[in-house]
Amino acid sequence: MKLDITKNLERRRYETEVNGYTAFIEYIKAKNAVYLTHTEVPAQLGGQGVGKSMVKAVLTLLKEEGQKVAPLCPFVAAYIKENREWVPIVADGYNVG
């Protein structure tokens, strides 16, 4: 699933809209990494792969920016654990299993 991701600076989150519903990943920007703290997908979009597609898109953006990621959100951490190609952008000190 291809998603258009926007960075909402005011709310400090990456967002995507699907069928009129907004899914998002909240973040905190620090000097050493971007901390991905919470992922939320509306129930109406559940089971459609929106969450995984959104994580992949956000990780792609951060990799292109040369950022390291601190996956504090369990959903993001689980995605990275299942998709090991993202481990190189995980910030030092964060174990994804």
PDB file of N, CA and C in Angstrom:
ATOM      1  N   MET A   1       0.842  -1.184   0.000  1.00  0.00           N
ATOM      2  CA  MET A   1       0.000   0.000   0.000  1.00  0.00           C
ATOM      3  C   MET A   1       0.885   1.245   0.000  1.00  0.00           C
ATOM      4  N   LYS A   2       0.690   2.106  -0.952  1.00  0.00           N
ATOM      5  CA  LYS A   2       1.452   3.355  -1.074  1.00  0.00           C
ATOM      6  C   LYS A   2       0.684   4.460  -0.369  1.00  0.00           C
ATOM      7  N   LEU A   3       1.341   5.117   0.586  1.00  0.00           N
ATOM      8  CA  LEU A   3       0.707   6.184   1.341  1.00  0.00           C
ATOM      9  C   LEU A   3       1.441   7.495   1.156  1.00  0.00           C
ATOM     10  N   ASP A   4       0.698   8.590   1.171  1.00  0.00           N
ATOM     11  CA  ASP A   4       1.293   9.917   1.185  1.00  0.00           C
ATOM     12  C   ASP A   4       1.432  10.336   2.645  1.00  0.00           C
ATOM     13  N   ILE A   5       2.652  10.565   3.065  1.00  0.00           N
ATOM     14  CA  ILE A   5       2.937  10.930   4.448  1.00  0.00           C
ATOM     15  C   ILE A   5       3.249  12.417   4.515  1.00  0.00           C
ATOM     16  N   THR A   6       2.636  13.096   5.469  1.00  0.00           N
ATOM     17  CA  THR A   6       2.968  14.496   5.717  1.00  0.00           C
ATOM     18  C   THR A   6       3.497  14.625   7.137  1.00  0.00           C
ATOM     19  N   LYS A   7       4.387  15.582   7.318  1.00  0.00           N
ATOM     20  CA  LYS A   7       4.960  15.837   8.639  1.00  0.00           C
ATOM     21  C   LYS A   7       4.225  17.022   9.242  1.00  0.00           C
ATOM     22  N   ASN A   8       3.460  16.779  10.288  1.00  0.00           N
ATOM     23  CA  ASN A   8       2.712  17.822  10.975  1.00  0.00           C
ATOM     24  C   ASN A   8       3.605  18.344  12.102  1.00  0.00           C
ATOM     25  N   LEU A   9       4.297  19.453  11.844  1.00  0.00           N
ATOM     26  CA  LEU A   9       5.242  20.008  12.813  1.00  0.00           C
ATOM     27  C   LEU A   9       4.548  20.471  14.089  1.00  0.00           C
ATOM     28  N   GLU A  10       3.370  21.044  13.953  1.00  0.00           N
ATOM     29  CA  GLU A  10       2.646  21.555  15.115  1.00  0.00           C
ATOM     30  C   GLU A  10       2.264  20.439  16.085  1.00  0.00           C
ATOM     31  N   ARG A  11       1.812  19.325  15.549  1.00  0.00           N
ATOM     32  CA  ARG A  11       1.393  18.195  16.390  1.00  0.00           C
ATOM     33  C   ARG A  11       2.514  17.184  16.626  1.00  0.00           C
ATOM     34  N   ARG A  12       3.650  17.401  15.989  1.00  0.00           N
ATOM     35  CA  ARG A  12       4.815  16.514  16.090  1.00  0.00           C
ATOM     36  C   ARG A  12       4.436  15.069  15.759  1.00  0.00           C
ATOM     37  N   ARG A  13       3.939  14.919  14.540  1.00  0.00           N
ATOM     38  CA  ARG A  13       3.592  13.571  14.096  1.00  0.00           C
ATOM     39  C   ARG A  13       3.616  13.499  12.576  1.00  0.00           C
ATOM     40  N   TYR A  14       3.817  12.281  12.098  1.00  0.00           N
ATOM     41  CA  TYR A  14       3.708  11.979  10.676  1.00  0.00           C
ATOM     42  C   TYR A  14       2.282  11.482  10.464  1.00  0.00           C
ATOM     43  N   GLU A  15       1.641  11.985   9.420  1.00  0.00           N
ATOM     44  CA  GLU A  15       0.233  11.658   9.194  1.00  0.00           C
ATOM     45  C   GLU A  15      -0.001  11.141   7.782  1.00  0.00           C
ATOM     46  N   THR A  16      -1.061  10.352   7.665  1.00  0.00           N
ATOM     47  CA  THR A  16      -1.558   9.949   6.358  1.00  0.00           C
ATOM     48  C   THR A  16      -3.072   9.874   6.454  1.00  0.00           C
ATOM     49  N   GLU A  17      -3.721  10.191   5.362  1.00  0.00           N
ATOM     50  CA  GLU A  17      -5.179  10.108   5.328  1.00  0.00           C
ATOM     51  C   GLU A  17      -5.591   9.002   4.365  1.00  0.00           C
ATOM     52  N   VAL A  18      -6.466   8.133   4.855  1.00  0.00           N
ATOM     53  CA  VAL A  18      -6.979   7.028   4.047  1.00  0.00           C
ATOM     54  C   VAL A  18      -8.496   7.004   4.222  1.00  0.00           C
ATOM     55  N   ASN A  19      -9.214   7.106   3.125  1.00  0.00           N
ATOM     56  CA  ASN A  19     -10.677   7.062   3.138  1.00  0.00           C
ATOM     57  C   ASN A  19     -11.284   8.044   4.145  1.00  0.00           C
ATOM     58  N   GLY A  20     -10.681   9.212   4.285  1.00  0.00           N
ATOM     59  CA  GLY A  20     -11.209  10.238   5.176  1.00  0.00           C
ATOM     60  C   GLY A  20     -10.802  10.100   6.632  1.00  0.00           C
ATOM     61  N   TYR A  21      -9.985   9.103   6.951  1.00  0.00           N
ATOM     62  CA  TYR A  21      -9.511   8.896   8.321  1.00  0.00           C
ATOM     63  C   TYR A  21      -8.015   9.179   8.391  1.00  0.00           C
ATOM     64  N   THR A  22      -7.567   9.732   9.516  1.00  0.00           N
ATOM     65  CA  THR A  22      -6.162  10.059   9.679  1.00  0.00           C
ATOM     66  C   THR A  22      -5.472   9.069  10.613  1.00  0.00           C
ATOM     67  N   ALA A  23      -4.415   8.469  10.112  1.00  0.00           N
ATOM     68  CA  ALA A  23      -3.541   7.612  10.912  1.00  0.00           C
ATOM     69  C   ALA A  23      -2.256   8.401  11.137  1.00  0.00           C
ATOM     70  N   PHE A  24      -1.553   8.132  12.244  1.00  0.00           N
ATOM     71  CA  PHE A  24      -0.361   8.916  12.524  1.00  0.00           C
ATOM     72  C   PHE A  24       0.648   8.179  13.392  1.00  0.00           C
ATOM     73  N   ILE A  25       1.877   8.677  13.331  1.00  0.00           N
ATOM     74  CA  ILE A  25       2.959   8.237  14.210  1.00  0.00           C
ATOM     75  C   ILE A  25       3.509   9.497  14.865  1.00  0.00           C
ATOM     76  N   GLU A  26       3.433   9.548  16.193  1.00  0.00           N
ATOM     77  CA  GLU A  26       3.965  10.688  16.927  1.00  0.00           C
ATOM     78  C   GLU A  26       5.469  10.542  17.085  1.00  0.00           C
ATOM     79  N   TYR A  27       6.165  11.684  17.144  1.00  0.00           N
ATOM     80  CA  TYR A  27       7.624  11.646  17.265  1.00  0.00           C
ATOM     81  C   TYR A  27       8.134  12.762  18.160  1.00  0.00           C
ATOM     82  N   ILE A  28       9.345  12.567  18.643  1.00  0.00           N
ATOM     83  CA  ILE A  28      10.102  13.591  19.351  1.00  0.00           C
ATOM     84  C   ILE A  28      11.453  13.655  18.661  1.00  0.00           C
ATOM     85  N   LYS A  29      11.852  14.837  18.222  1.00  0.00           N
ATOM     86  CA  LYS A  29      13.135  15.021  17.544  1.00  0.00           C
ATOM     87  C   LYS A  29      14.178  15.407  18.580  1.00  0.00           C
ATOM     88  N   ALA A  30      15.250  14.642  18.614  1.00  0.00           N
ATOM     89  CA  ALA A  30      16.380  14.940  19.492  1.00  0.00           C
ATOM     90  C   ALA A  30      17.631  15.038  18.632  1.00  0.00           C
ATOM     91  N   LYS A  31      18.733  15.432  19.235  1.00  0.00           N
ATOM     92  CA  LYS A  31      19.973  15.583  18.473  1.00  0.00           C
ATOM     93  C   LYS A  31      20.458  14.255  17.899  1.00  0.00           C
ATOM     94  N   ASN A  32      20.297  13.184  18.665  1.00  0.00           N
ATOM     95  CA  ASN A  32      20.859  11.905  18.246  1.00  0.00           C
ATOM     96  C   ASN A  32      19.906  11.002  17.479  1.00  0.00           C
ATOM     97  N   ALA A  33      18.593  11.311  17.506  1.00  0.00           N
ATOM     98  CA  ALA A  33      17.623  10.404  16.870  1.00  0.00           C
ATOM     99  C   ALA A  33      16.244  11.053  16.812  1.00  0.00           C
ATOM    100  N   VAL A  34      15.383  10.416  16.028  1.00  0.00           N
ATOM    101  CA  VAL A  34      13.966  10.747  16.030  1.00  0.00           C
ATOM    102  C   VAL A  34      13.284   9.620  16.810  1.00  0.00           C
ATOM    103  N   TYR A  35      12.664   9.985  17.906  1.00  0.00           N
ATOM    104  CA  TYR A  35      11.992   9.020  18.765  1.00  0.00           C
ATOM    105  C   TYR A  35      10.561   8.848  18.277  1.00  0.00           C
ATOM    106  N   LEU A  36      10.238   7.661  17.796  1.00  0.00           N
ATOM    107  CA  LEU A  36       8.879   7.350  17.352  1.00  0.00           C
ATOM    108  C   LEU A  36       8.152   6.787  18.560  1.00  0.00           C
ATOM    109  N   THR A  37       7.192   7.552  19.091  1.00  0.00           N
ATOM    110  CA  THR A  37       6.622   7.249  20.400  1.00  0.00           C
ATOM    111  C   THR A  37       5.267   6.555  20.395  1.00  0.00           C
ATOM    112  N   HIS A  38       4.468   6.776  19.349  1.00  0.00           N
ATOM    113  CA  HIS A  38       3.112   6.222  19.366  1.00  0.00           C
ATOM    114  C   HIS A  38       2.566   6.153  17.942  1.00  0.00           C
ATOM    115  N   THR A  39       1.951   5.026  17.621  1.00  0.00           N
ATOM    116  CA  THR A  39       1.295   4.851  16.319  1.00  0.00           C
ATOM    117  C   THR A  39      -0.193   4.674  16.567  1.00  0.00           C
ATOM    118  N   GLU A  40      -0.994   5.357  15.764  1.00  0.00           N
ATOM    119  CA  GLU A  40      -2.441   5.209  15.910  1.00  0.00           C
ATOM    120  C   GLU A  40      -3.100   5.100  14.538  1.00  0.00           C
ATOM    121  N   VAL A  41      -3.892   4.049  14.379  1.00  0.00           N
ATOM    122  CA  VAL A  41      -4.662   3.820  13.160  1.00  0.00           C
ATOM    123  C   VAL A  41      -6.125   3.706  13.575  1.00  0.00           C
ATOM    124  N   PRO A  42      -7.000   4.525  13.000  1.00  0.00           N
ATOM    125  CA  PRO A  42      -8.422   4.427  13.350  1.00  0.00           C
ATOM    126  C   PRO A  42      -8.964   3.013  13.136  1.00  0.00           C
ATOM    127  N   ALA A  43      -9.878   2.625  13.994  1.00  0.00           N
ATOM    128  CA  ALA A  43     -10.470   1.280  13.915  1.00  0.00           C
ATOM    129  C   ALA A  43     -11.060   0.999  12.537  1.00  0.00           C
ATOM    130  N   GLN A  44     -11.567   2.040  11.885  1.00  0.00           N
ATOM    131  CA  GLN A  44     -12.178   1.871  10.559  1.00  0.00           C
ATOM    132  C   GLN A  44     -11.163   1.418   9.513  1.00  0.00           C
ATOM    133  N   LEU A  45      -9.880   1.622   9.792  1.00  0.00           N
ATOM    134  CA  LEU A  45      -8.819   1.224   8.853  1.00  0.00           C
ATOM    135  C   LEU A  45      -8.090  -0.038   9.296  1.00  0.00           C
ATOM    136  N   GLY A  46      -8.483  -0.595  10.418  1.00  0.00           N
ATOM    137  CA  GLY A  46      -7.821  -1.770  10.964  1.00  0.00           C
ATOM    138  C   GLY A  46      -7.831  -2.952  10.014  1.00  0.00           C
ATOM    139  N   GLY A  47      -6.743  -3.696  10.032  1.00  0.00           N
ATOM    140  CA  GLY A  47      -6.645  -4.910   9.226  1.00  0.00           C
ATOM    141  C   GLY A  47      -6.380  -4.695   7.756  1.00  0.00           C
ATOM    142  N   GLN A  48      -6.114  -3.453   7.349  1.00  0.00           N
ATOM    143  CA  GLN A  48      -5.889  -3.148   5.942  1.00  0.00           C
ATOM    144  C   GLN A  48      -4.407  -2.912   5.616  1.00  0.00           C
ATOM    145  N   GLY A  49      -3.555  -3.041   6.613  1.00  0.00           N
ATOM    146  CA  GLY A  49      -2.125  -2.830   6.381  1.00  0.00           C
ATOM    147  C   GLY A  49      -1.692  -1.375   6.448  1.00  0.00           C
ATOM    148  N   VAL A  50      -2.575  -0.499   6.912  1.00  0.00           N
ATOM    149  CA  VAL A  50      -2.243   0.925   6.975  1.00  0.00           C
ATOM    150  C   VAL A  50      -1.098   1.175   7.946  1.00  0.00           C
ATOM    151  N   GLY A  51      -1.145   0.568   9.114  1.00  0.00           N
ATOM    152  CA  GLY A  51      -0.100   0.777  10.118  1.00  0.00           C
ATOM    153  C   GLY A  51       1.270   0.375   9.612  1.00  0.00           C
ATOM    154  N   LYS A  52       1.380  -0.813   9.066  1.00  0.00           N
ATOM    155  CA  LYS A  52       2.673  -1.284   8.550  1.00  0.00           C
ATOM    156  C   LYS A  52       3.157  -0.430   7.391  1.00  0.00           C
ATOM    157  N   SER A  53       2.248  -0.070   6.506  1.00  0.00           N
ATOM    158  CA  SER A  53       2.639   0.776   5.373  1.00  0.00           C
ATOM    159  C   SER A  53       3.098   2.144   5.844  1.00  0.00           C
ATOM    160  N   MET A  54       2.444   2.669   6.869  1.00  0.00           N
ATOM    161  CA  MET A  54       2.819   3.972   7.394  1.00  0.00           C
ATOM    162  C   MET A  54       4.196   3.906   8.066  1.00  0.00           C
ATOM    163  N   VAL A  55       4.453   2.867   8.834  1.00  0.00           N
ATOM    164  CA  VAL A  55       5.773   2.720   9.466  1.00  0.00           C
ATOM    165  C   VAL A  55       6.858   2.639   8.403  1.00  0.00           C
ATOM    166  N   LYS A  56       6.633   1.831   7.382  1.00  0.00           N
ATOM    167  CA  LYS A  56       7.615   1.705   6.304  1.00  0.00           C
ATOM    168  C   LYS A  56       7.876   3.056   5.634  1.00  0.00           C
ATOM    169  N   ALA A  57       6.816   3.805   5.358  1.00  0.00           N
ATOM    170  CA  ALA A  57       6.965   5.102   4.698  1.00  0.00           C
ATOM    171  C   ALA A  57       7.722   6.093   5.579  1.00  0.00           C
ATOM    172  N   VAL A  58       7.421   6.115   6.873  1.00  0.00           N
ATOM    173  CA  VAL A  58       8.110   7.037   7.789  1.00  0.00           C
ATOM    174  C   VAL A  58       9.576   6.633   7.932  1.00  0.00           C
ATOM    175  N   LEU A  59       9.858   5.344   8.070  1.00  0.00           N
ATOM    176  CA  LEU A  59      11.251   4.899   8.159  1.00  0.00           C
ATOM    177  C   LEU A  59      12.014   5.248   6.888  1.00  0.00           C
ATOM    178  N   THR A  60      11.368   5.135   5.744  1.00  0.00           N
ATOM    179  CA  THR A  60      12.005   5.499   4.477  1.00  0.00           C
ATOM    180  C   THR A  60      12.353   6.983   4.461  1.00  0.00           C
ATOM    181  N   LEU A  61      11.421   7.826   4.893  1.00  0.00           N
ATOM    182  CA  LEU A  61      11.686   9.267   4.963  1.00  0.00           C
ATOM    183  C   LEU A  61      12.861   9.571   5.876  1.00  0.00           C
ATOM    184  N   LEU A  62      12.868   8.954   7.046  1.00  0.00           N
ATOM    185  CA  LEU A  62      13.933   9.218   8.015  1.00  0.00           C
ATOM    186  C   LEU A  62      15.279   8.714   7.510  1.00  0.00           C
ATOM    187  N   LYS A  63      15.280   7.579   6.847  1.00  0.00           N
ATOM    188  CA  LYS A  63      16.530   7.062   6.276  1.00  0.00           C
ATOM    189  C   LYS A  63      17.058   8.016   5.213  1.00  0.00           C
ATOM    190  N   GLU A  64      16.177   8.509   4.360  1.00  0.00           N
ATOM    191  CA  GLU A  64      16.578   9.450   3.311  1.00  0.00           C
ATOM    192  C   GLU A  64      17.138  10.745   3.901  1.00  0.00           C
ATOM    193  N   GLU A  65      16.646  11.131   5.085  1.00  0.00           N
ATOM    194  CA  GLU A  65      17.138  12.331   5.773  1.00  0.00           C
ATOM    195  C   GLU A  65      18.420  12.062   6.557  1.00  0.00           C
ATOM    196  N   GLY A  66      18.846  10.800   6.600  1.00  0.00           N
ATOM    197  CA  GLY A  66      20.049  10.443   7.348  1.00  0.00           C
ATOM    198  C   GLY A  66      19.836  10.397   8.855  1.00  0.00           C
ATOM    199  N   GLN A  67      18.603  10.213   9.272  1.00  0.00           N
ATOM    200  CA  GLN A  67      18.269  10.188  10.699  1.00  0.00           C
ATOM    201  C   GLN A  67      18.407   8.785  11.281  1.00  0.00           C
ATOM    202  N   LYS A  68      18.678   8.740  12.578  1.00  0.00           N
ATOM    203  CA  LYS A  68      18.600   7.503  13.349  1.00  0.00           C
ATOM    204  C   LYS A  68      17.230   7.486  14.016  1.00  0.00           C
ATOM    205  N   VAL A  69      16.733   6.286  14.304  1.00  0.00           N
ATOM    206  CA  VAL A  69      15.397   6.117  14.858  1.00  0.00           C
ATOM    207  C   VAL A  69      15.481   5.429  16.216  1.00  0.00           C
ATOM    208  N   ALA A  70      14.731   5.956  17.165  1.00  0.00           N
ATOM    209  CA  ALA A  70      14.565   5.308  18.465  1.00  0.00           C
ATOM    210  C   ALA A  70      13.119   4.808  18.525  1.00  0.00           C
ATOM    211  N   PRO A  71      12.907   3.508  18.321  1.00  0.00           N
ATOM    212  CA  PRO A  71      11.548   2.975  18.247  1.00  0.00           C
ATOM    213  C   PRO A  71      10.937   2.723  19.624  1.00  0.00           C
ATOM    214  N   LEU A  72      10.428   3.780  20.256  1.00  0.00           N
ATOM    215  CA  LEU A  72       9.789   3.633  21.563  1.00  0.00           C
ATOM    216  C   LEU A  72       8.395   3.026  21.438  1.00  0.00           C
ATOM    217  N   CYS A  73       7.758   3.215  20.308  1.00  0.00           N
ATOM    218  CA  CYS A  73       6.439   2.642  20.060  1.00  0.00           C
ATOM    219  C   CYS A  73       6.585   1.135  19.822  1.00  0.00           C
ATOM    220  N   PRO A  74       5.867   0.312  20.573  1.00  0.00           N
ATOM    221  CA  PRO A  74       5.965  -1.142  20.394  1.00  0.00           C
ATOM    222  C   PRO A  74       5.627  -1.604  18.973  1.00  0.00           C
ATOM    223  N   PHE A  75       4.694  -0.928  18.307  1.00  0.00           N
ATOM    224  CA  PHE A  75       4.317  -1.303  16.948  1.00  0.00           C
ATOM    225  C   PHE A  75       5.476  -1.064  15.987  1.00  0.00           C
ATOM    226  N   VAL A  76       6.147   0.079  16.121  1.00  0.00           N
ATOM    227  CA  VAL A  76       7.304   0.384  15.274  1.00  0.00           C
ATOM    228  C   VAL A  76       8.433  -0.599  15.561  1.00  0.00           C
ATOM    229  N   ALA A  77       8.693  -0.867  16.839  1.00  0.00           N
ATOM    230  CA  ALA A  77       9.755  -1.811  17.210  1.00  0.00           C
ATOM    231  C   ALA A  77       9.476  -3.199  16.635  1.00  0.00           C
ATOM    232  N   ALA A  78       8.226  -3.642  16.698  1.00  0.00           N
ATOM    233  CA  ALA A  78       7.860  -4.951  16.155  1.00  0.00           C
ATOM    234  C   ALA A  78       8.044  -4.979  14.639  1.00  0.00           C
ATOM    235  N   TYR A  79       7.705  -3.875  13.970  1.00  0.00           N
ATOM    236  CA  TYR A  79       7.891  -3.810  12.518  1.00  0.00           C
ATOM    237  C   TYR A  79       9.369  -3.945  12.161  1.00  0.00           C
ATOM    238  N   ILE A  80      10.217  -3.231  12.884  1.00  0.00           N
ATOM    239  CA  ILE A  80      11.661  -3.305  12.613  1.00  0.00           C
ATOM    240  C   ILE A  80      12.191  -4.707  12.912  1.00  0.00           C
ATOM    241  N   LYS A  81      11.697  -5.327  13.968  1.00  0.00           N
ATOM    242  CA  LYS A  81      12.115  -6.692  14.310  1.00  0.00           C
ATOM    243  C   LYS A  81      11.760  -7.669  13.185  1.00  0.00           C
ATOM    244  N   GLU A  82      10.606  -7.477  12.553  1.00  0.00           N
ATOM    245  CA  GLU A  82      10.159  -8.345  11.460  1.00  0.00           C
ATOM    246  C   GLU A  82      10.798  -7.987  10.127  1.00  0.00           C
ATOM    247  N   ASN A  83      11.301  -6.772  10.004  1.00  0.00           N
ATOM    248  CA  ASN A  83      11.889  -6.278   8.755  1.00  0.00           C
ATOM    249  C   ASN A  83      13.297  -5.771   9.055  1.00  0.00           C
ATOM    250  N   ARG A  84      14.206  -6.697   9.172  1.00  0.00           N
ATOM    251  CA  ARG A  84      15.560  -6.438   9.683  1.00  0.00           C
ATOM    252  C   ARG A  84      16.361  -5.433   8.845  1.00  0.00           C
ATOM    253  N   GLU A  85      15.923  -5.143   7.635  1.00  0.00           N
ATOM    254  CA  GLU A  85      16.666  -4.184   6.819  1.00  0.00           C
ATOM    255  C   GLU A  85      16.665  -2.785   7.432  1.00  0.00           C
ATOM    256  N   TRP A  86      15.783  -2.537   8.408  1.00  0.00           N
ATOM    257  CA  TRP A  86      15.713  -1.234   9.067  1.00  0.00           C
ATOM    258  C   TRP A  86      16.610  -1.124  10.290  1.00  0.00           C
ATOM    259  N   VAL A  87      17.166  -2.234  10.750  1.00  0.00           N
ATOM    260  CA  VAL A  87      18.013  -2.221  11.950  1.00  0.00           C
ATOM    261  C   VAL A  87      19.179  -1.227  11.834  1.00  0.00           C
ATOM    262  N   PRO A  88      19.820  -1.059  10.672  1.00  0.00           N
ATOM    263  CA  PRO A  88      20.936  -0.105  10.596  1.00  0.00           C
ATOM    264  C   PRO A  88      20.583   1.346  10.939  1.00  0.00           C
ATOM    265  N   ILE A  89      19.321   1.737  10.851  1.00  0.00           N
ATOM    266  CA  ILE A  89      18.993   3.123  11.202  1.00  0.00           C
ATOM    267  C   ILE A  89      18.492   3.264  12.643  1.00  0.00           C
ATOM    268  N   VAL A  90      18.480   2.172  13.382  1.00  0.00           N
ATOM    269  CA  VAL A  90      18.069   2.230  14.786  1.00  0.00           C
ATOM    270  C   VAL A  90      19.208   2.856  15.595  1.00  0.00           C
ATOM    271  N   ALA A  91      18.867   3.814  16.439  1.00  0.00           N
ATOM    272  CA  ALA A  91      19.853   4.523  17.246  1.00  0.00           C
ATOM    273  C   ALA A  91      20.534   3.562  18.218  1.00  0.00           C
ATOM    274  N   ASP A  92      21.776   3.870  18.521  1.00  0.00           N
ATOM    275  CA  ASP A  92      22.529   3.066  19.477  1.00  0.00           C
ATOM    276  C   ASP A  92      21.769   3.009  20.814  1.00  0.00           C
ATOM    277  N   GLY A  93      21.774   1.829  21.415  1.00  0.00           N
ATOM    278  CA  GLY A  93      21.141   1.646  22.702  1.00  0.00           C
ATOM    279  C   GLY A  93      19.703   1.162  22.637  1.00  0.00           C
ATOM    280  N   TYR A  94      19.162   1.004  21.432  1.00  0.00           N
ATOM    281  CA  TYR A  94      17.788   0.527  21.284  1.00  0.00           C
ATOM    282  C   TYR A  94      17.787  -0.841  20.634  1.00  0.00           C
ATOM    283  N   ASN A  95      17.366  -1.819  21.392  1.00  0.00           N
ATOM    284  CA  ASN A  95      17.365  -3.198  20.930  1.00  0.00           C
ATOM    285  C   ASN A  95      15.961  -3.559  20.444  1.00  0.00           C
ATOM    286  N   VAL A  96      15.878  -4.025  19.214  1.00  0.00           N
ATOM    287  CA  VAL A  96      14.581  -4.436  18.664  1.00  0.00           C
ATOM    288  C   VAL A  96      14.459  -5.957  18.574  1.00  0.00           C
ATOM    289  N   GLY A  97      15.338  -6.640  19.271  1.00  0.00           N
ATOM    290  CA  GLY A  97      15.250  -8.098  19.348  1.00  0.00           C
ATOM    291  C   GLY A  97      15.973  -8.859  18.296  1.00  0.00           C
TER     292      GLY A  97
END
